Amino acid sequence: MMDDLGDDSFDDVLAAMDMPTAPKQSKVEAATKSAETGTKIGASVSSTGGAAKPPPSNPHSIWVHTKQRGNPILKSILNVPLEFRDDIVADYVVGRTSCILYLSLKYHNLNPDYICQRLKTLGKLYELRVLLVQVDTPEPNNALKSLTRISLLADLTMMLAWNAEEAGKIIETYKQFEKRPPDLIMERVESNPHQKLVAALTNIKPVNKTDAVTLLQIFGNLENIANASEERLSQVMGLGPRKAKKLFKTLHEPFLSK
């Protein structure tokens, strides 16, 4: 199906979409029934711009749209409670300003305009907008190329899952990391000088961590390693001629290109 879909059709649909210009806080419209009068009170955004207060809920739960009930990916969400709601626009709400739209690649091939219509409905809600794509087709390249283009235009973060279990775990992880500091997933910078040297040496492929530790144990410091001959380096246990040649060449390359 994707082979029959030209770029122009996507351009036409995307041109009519309301693309986000600035992050907005999510707004939820809630409808509650009065037990005494039986009348329905529509809770909506007021003319002053204030968002309606949603019904009481568990702040630690993932909000799941009722249309997602029965989706196999829910079986993999074991560590976070689920709360089914029909007053949310996204498929999953994993934070006050974070949502997830789920899309099966097989379904996308059959209904290529579906995701664009969903994005129009979503509008400018939420700061973090994740498009979770389950890759369930043998030839996903063309479809993923189109979805990547849509994600860039619509300010989406596209995540790929290769099976239902992986998709569920991605949703669960987004909720679990909702209030975690960003440095929790950032690369750790070694402060120990020895570990810094080990890390520097392992950047020279194919030298591994064991090789780096052995070199420092034998030569003591980086200067002695750099001054060692290629033949001497090849005699280090576990290094061998191939690694020694690469290490020697790298350490003796000029820092500035001519």
Protein backbone atom coordinates (compact mmCIF):
# COMPACT_ATOMS: atom_id res chain seq x y z
CA MET A 1 0.00 0.00 0.00
CA MET A 2 2.82 2.43 0.80
CA ASP A 3 4.22 2.04 -2.71
CA ASP A 4 0.94 3.39 -4.12
CA LEU A 5 0.98 6.39 -1.80
CA GLY A 6 2.80 9.38 -3.26
CA ASP A 7 4.38 12.20 -1.31
CA ASP A 8 1.76 14.63 -2.60
CA SER A 9 -1.07 12.98 -0.66
CA PHE A 10 0.88 13.34 2.55
CA ASP A 11 1.66 16.95 1.68
CA ASP A 12 -2.02 17.73 1.19
CA VAL A 13 -3.01 16.18 4.52
CA LEU A 14 -0.12 17.70 6.43
CA ALA A 15 -0.75 21.13 4.95
CA ALA A 16 -4.20 21.12 6.54
CA MET A 17 -2.87 20.07 9.95
CA ASP A 18 -2.50 22.48 12.84
CA MET A 19 1.15 22.00 13.65
CA PRO A 20 2.39 22.88 17.16
CA THR A 21 4.30 26.14 17.47
CA ALA A 22 5.03 26.17 21.18
CA PRO A 23 4.66 23.53 23.92
CA LYS A 24 1.29 23.68 25.62
CA GLN A 25 0.06 22.13 28.82
CA SER A 26 -2.38 19.28 28.29
CA LYS A 27 -6.07 20.07 28.68
CA VAL A 28 -8.67 17.48 29.57
CA GLU A 29 -12.39 17.82 29.10
CA ALA A 30 -14.35 15.82 31.63
CA ALA A 31 -18.01 14.87 31.73
CA THR A 32 -19.61 13.78 35.00
CA LYS A 33 -23.12 12.71 35.89
CA SER A 34 -25.04 14.13 38.81
CA ALA A 35 -26.45 11.35 41.01
CA GLU A 36 -29.25 13.60 42.27
CA THR A 37 -30.51 15.21 39.06
CA GLY A 38 -29.24 12.72 36.47
CA THR A 39 -28.07 15.65 34.34
CA LYS A 40 -24.73 15.74 32.61
CA ILE A 41 -22.42 18.61 33.40
CA GLY A 42 -19.86 19.33 30.70
CA ALA A 43 -16.54 20.41 32.14
CA SER A 44 -14.67 22.37 29.50
CA VAL A 45 -12.09 25.07 29.15
CA SER A 46 -13.52 28.40 30.26
CA SER A 47 -13.41 31.64 28.30
CA THR A 48 -10.60 32.90 30.54
CA GLY A 49 -8.33 30.09 29.33
CA GLY A 50 -8.41 27.96 32.50
CA ALA A 51 -8.45 24.18 31.98
CA ALA A 52 -11.26 22.11 33.44
CA LYS A 53 -10.34 19.96 36.41
CA PRO A 54 -10.33 16.26 35.49
CA PRO A 55 -12.06 13.67 37.65
CA PRO A 56 -10.03 12.38 40.62
CA SER A 57 -7.53 9.74 39.58
CA ASN A 58 -4.40 7.94 40.66
CA PRO A 59 -1.42 10.18 39.73
CA HIS A 60 0.77 7.11 39.44
CA SER A 61 -1.38 5.40 36.81
CA ILE A 62 -1.19 5.46 33.04
CA TRP A 63 -4.33 6.89 31.47
CA VAL A 64 -5.46 4.58 28.69
CA HIS A 65 -8.11 5.50 26.14
CA THR A 66 -10.98 3.05 26.27
CA LYS A 67 -10.48 2.27 22.58
CA GLN A 68 -7.13 0.72 23.51
CA ARG A 69 -8.80 -1.82 25.78
CA GLY A 70 -7.84 -5.27 24.55
CA ASN A 71 -4.60 -4.13 22.91
CA PRO A 72 -2.05 -6.94 23.52
CA ILE A 73 0.63 -4.42 24.53
CA LEU A 74 -1.23 -3.79 27.81
CA LYS A 75 -0.31 -7.29 29.03
CA SER A 76 3.32 -6.16 29.27
CA ILE A 77 2.57 -3.21 31.54
CA LEU A 78 2.95 -4.89 34.92
CA ASN A 79 4.58 -2.34 37.22
CA VAL A 80 2.29 0.66 36.70
CA PRO A 81 -1.50 0.71 37.23
CA LEU A 82 -3.78 1.43 34.28
CA GLU A 83 -6.79 3.72 34.28
CA PHE A 84 -9.17 3.53 31.32
CA ARG A 85 -10.75 6.83 30.29
CA ASP A 86 -12.79 8.12 27.38
CA ASP A 87 -12.10 11.82 28.02
CA ILE A 88 -8.55 11.88 26.64
CA VAL A 89 -7.50 12.51 23.05
CA ALA A 90 -4.26 10.49 23.05
CA ASP A 91 -4.07 6.72 23.32
CA TYR A 92 -1.97 6.91 26.48
CA VAL A 93 -1.23 9.75 28.89
CA VAL A 94 2.00 9.08 30.79
CA GLY A 95 2.44 12.44 32.48
CA ARG A 96 0.86 15.83 33.01
CA THR A 97 2.33 17.06 29.73
CA SER A 98 3.24 13.76 28.04
CA CYS A 99 1.19 11.52 25.77
CA ILE A 100 1.66 8.56 23.43
CA LEU A 101 -0.06 7.72 20.16
CA TYR A 102 0.16 4.02 19.27
CA LEU A 103 0.35 2.88 15.66
CA SER A 104 0.73 -0.57 14.17
CA LEU A 105 2.74 -0.41 10.95
CA LYS A 106 0.44 -2.99 9.39
CA TYR A 107 -2.56 -0.78 10.16
CA HIS A 108 -0.73 2.27 8.85
CA ASN A 109 -0.14 0.57 5.50
CA LEU A 110 -3.88 -0.07 5.20
CA ASN A 111 -4.90 3.37 6.48
CA PRO A 112 -2.04 5.79 5.71
CA ASP A 113 -4.10 8.92 6.50
CA TYR A 114 -5.11 7.70 9.96
CA ILE A 115 -2.14 9.16 11.85
CA CYS A 116 -2.57 12.57 10.21
CA GLN A 117 -6.20 12.70 11.29
CA ARG A 118 -5.18 11.72 14.83
CA LEU A 119 -2.65 14.53 14.92
CA LYS A 120 -5.26 17.05 13.80
CA THR A 121 -7.47 15.89 16.67
CA LEU A 122 -4.58 16.10 19.11
CA GLY A 123 -3.87 19.68 18.05
CA LYS A 124 -1.30 21.44 20.21
CA LEU A 125 -1.88 19.47 23.39
CA TYR A 126 1.06 18.11 25.39
CA GLU A 127 4.72 19.09 25.42
CA LEU A 128 6.09 15.57 24.86
CA ARG A 129 4.22 13.78 22.09
CA VAL A 130 5.42 10.25 21.37
CA LEU A 131 4.49 8.24 18.30
CA LEU A 132 4.96 4.60 19.30
CA VAL A 133 5.20 2.48 16.16
CA GLN A 134 5.05 -1.30 16.36
CA VAL A 135 6.99 -2.73 13.42
CA ASP A 136 4.91 -5.74 12.39
CA THR A 137 5.52 -5.88 8.64
CA PRO A 138 8.35 -7.63 6.76
CA GLU A 139 9.15 -4.55 4.62
CA PRO A 140 8.90 -1.50 6.93
CA ASN A 141 11.34 0.90 5.26
CA ASN A 142 8.96 2.95 3.08
CA ALA A 143 6.35 3.27 5.82
CA LEU A 144 8.93 4.29 8.42
CA LYS A 145 10.34 6.88 6.04
CA SER A 146 6.91 8.50 5.71
CA LEU A 147 6.27 8.36 9.46
CA THR A 148 9.65 9.91 10.17
CA ARG A 149 8.77 12.81 7.89
CA ILE A 150 5.41 13.26 9.63
CA SER A 151 7.09 13.12 13.05
CA LEU A 152 9.51 15.89 12.12
CA LEU A 153 6.71 18.11 10.84
CA ALA A 154 4.37 17.47 13.77
CA ASP A 155 6.96 17.72 16.58
CA LEU A 156 6.69 14.03 17.52
CA THR A 157 9.22 11.73 19.14
CA MET A 158 9.03 8.47 17.21
CA MET A 159 9.79 5.26 19.09
CA LEU A 160 9.96 1.83 17.43
CA ALA A 161 8.92 -1.44 19.04
CA TRP A 162 9.46 -4.77 17.34
CA ASN A 163 6.77 -6.67 19.22
CA ALA A 164 3.81 -6.05 21.54
CA GLU A 165 5.80 -6.76 24.69
CA GLU A 166 8.44 -4.19 23.80
CA ALA A 167 5.76 -1.60 23.00
CA GLY A 168 4.16 -2.09 26.41
CA LYS A 169 7.49 -1.73 28.19
CA ILE A 170 8.20 1.54 26.39
CA ILE A 171 4.90 2.98 27.62
CA GLU A 172 5.58 1.73 31.14
CA THR A 173 9.09 3.21 31.15
CA TYR A 174 7.85 6.65 30.09
CA LYS A 175 5.52 6.68 33.10
CA GLN A 176 8.15 5.37 35.52
CA PHE A 177 10.61 8.07 34.42
CA GLU A 178 8.00 10.82 34.48
CA LYS A 179 9.52 12.66 37.44
CA ARG A 180 13.07 11.39 37.22
CA PRO A 181 15.84 13.96 36.68
CA PRO A 182 17.34 14.03 33.15
CA ASP A 183 20.85 13.29 34.43
CA LEU A 184 19.61 9.84 35.47
CA ILE A 185 19.87 8.65 31.88
CA MET A 186 22.81 10.81 30.87
CA GLU A 187 26.22 9.30 30.25
CA ARG A 188 28.28 9.03 33.41
CA VAL A 189 31.51 11.04 33.26
CA GLU A 190 34.34 9.30 35.05
CA SER A 191 36.09 11.44 37.66
CA ASN A 192 38.80 8.93 38.55
CA PRO A 193 42.00 9.60 36.50
CA HIS A 194 42.67 5.88 36.06
CA GLN A 195 39.16 5.27 34.73
CA LYS A 196 39.53 8.24 32.39
CA LEU A 197 42.69 6.70 30.92
CA VAL A 198 40.96 3.34 30.52
CA ALA A 199 38.05 5.04 28.76
CA ALA A 200 40.44 6.96 26.49
CA LEU A 201 42.34 3.82 25.46
CA THR A 202 39.16 1.85 24.76
CA ASN A 203 38.16 4.55 22.27
CA ILE A 204 40.93 3.13 20.09
CA LYS A 205 39.39 0.18 18.32
CA PRO A 206 39.90 -2.75 18.74
CA VAL A 207 41.42 -2.11 22.20
CA ASN A 208 38.96 -3.28 24.89
CA LYS A 209 38.75 -2.50 28.60
CA THR A 210 40.81 -5.52 29.61
CA ASP A 211 43.56 -4.49 27.20
CA ALA A 212 43.55 -0.95 28.56
CA VAL A 213 43.82 -2.10 32.19
CA THR A 214 46.66 -4.49 31.28
CA LEU A 215 48.57 -1.74 29.44
CA LEU A 216 48.32 0.62 32.40
CA GLN A 217 49.41 -2.12 34.81
CA ILE A 218 52.51 -2.87 32.70
CA PHE A 219 53.55 0.64 31.60
CA GLY A 220 52.19 2.67 34.49
CA ASN A 221 50.98 5.70 32.54
CA LEU A 222 49.96 6.92 29.09
CA GLU A 223 53.37 8.49 28.37
CA ASN A 224 55.16 5.16 28.71
CA ILE A 225 52.55 3.47 26.50
CA ALA A 226 53.04 6.14 23.84
CA ASN A 227 56.85 5.78 23.99
CA ALA A 228 56.75 1.99 23.67
CA SER A 229 57.62 0.44 20.32
CA GLU A 230 55.09 -1.45 18.24
CA GLU A 231 57.02 -4.66 18.88
CA ARG A 232 56.95 -4.08 22.64
CA LEU A 233 53.21 -3.41 22.58
CA SER A 234 52.59 -6.62 20.65
CA GLN A 235 54.24 -8.58 23.47
CA VAL A 236 51.57 -7.48 25.96
CA MET A 237 49.38 -10.45 26.86
CA GLY A 238 46.05 -10.29 25.06
CA LEU A 239 47.06 -7.45 22.75
CA GLY A 240 48.75 -9.17 19.81
CA PRO A 241 50.21 -7.71 16.60
CA ARG A 242 46.95 -6.39 15.12
CA LYS A 243 45.86 -4.39 18.19
CA ALA A 244 49.45 -3.25 18.83
CA LYS A 245 49.76 -1.90 15.29
CA LYS A 246 46.48 0.03 15.56
CA LEU A 247 47.37 1.38 19.03
CA PHE A 248 50.87 2.43 17.98
CA LYS A 249 49.60 4.15 14.82
CA THR A 250 46.89 6.05 16.72
CA LEU A 251 49.24 7.24 19.46
CA HIS A 252 51.74 8.55 16.91
CA GLU A 253 49.33 10.33 14.59
CA PRO A 254 49.70 14.15 14.60
CA PHE A 255 46.95 15.98 16.53
CA LEU A 256 46.71 18.65 13.84
CA SER A 257 46.17 17.74 10.23
CA LYS A 258 48.50 19.36 7.74
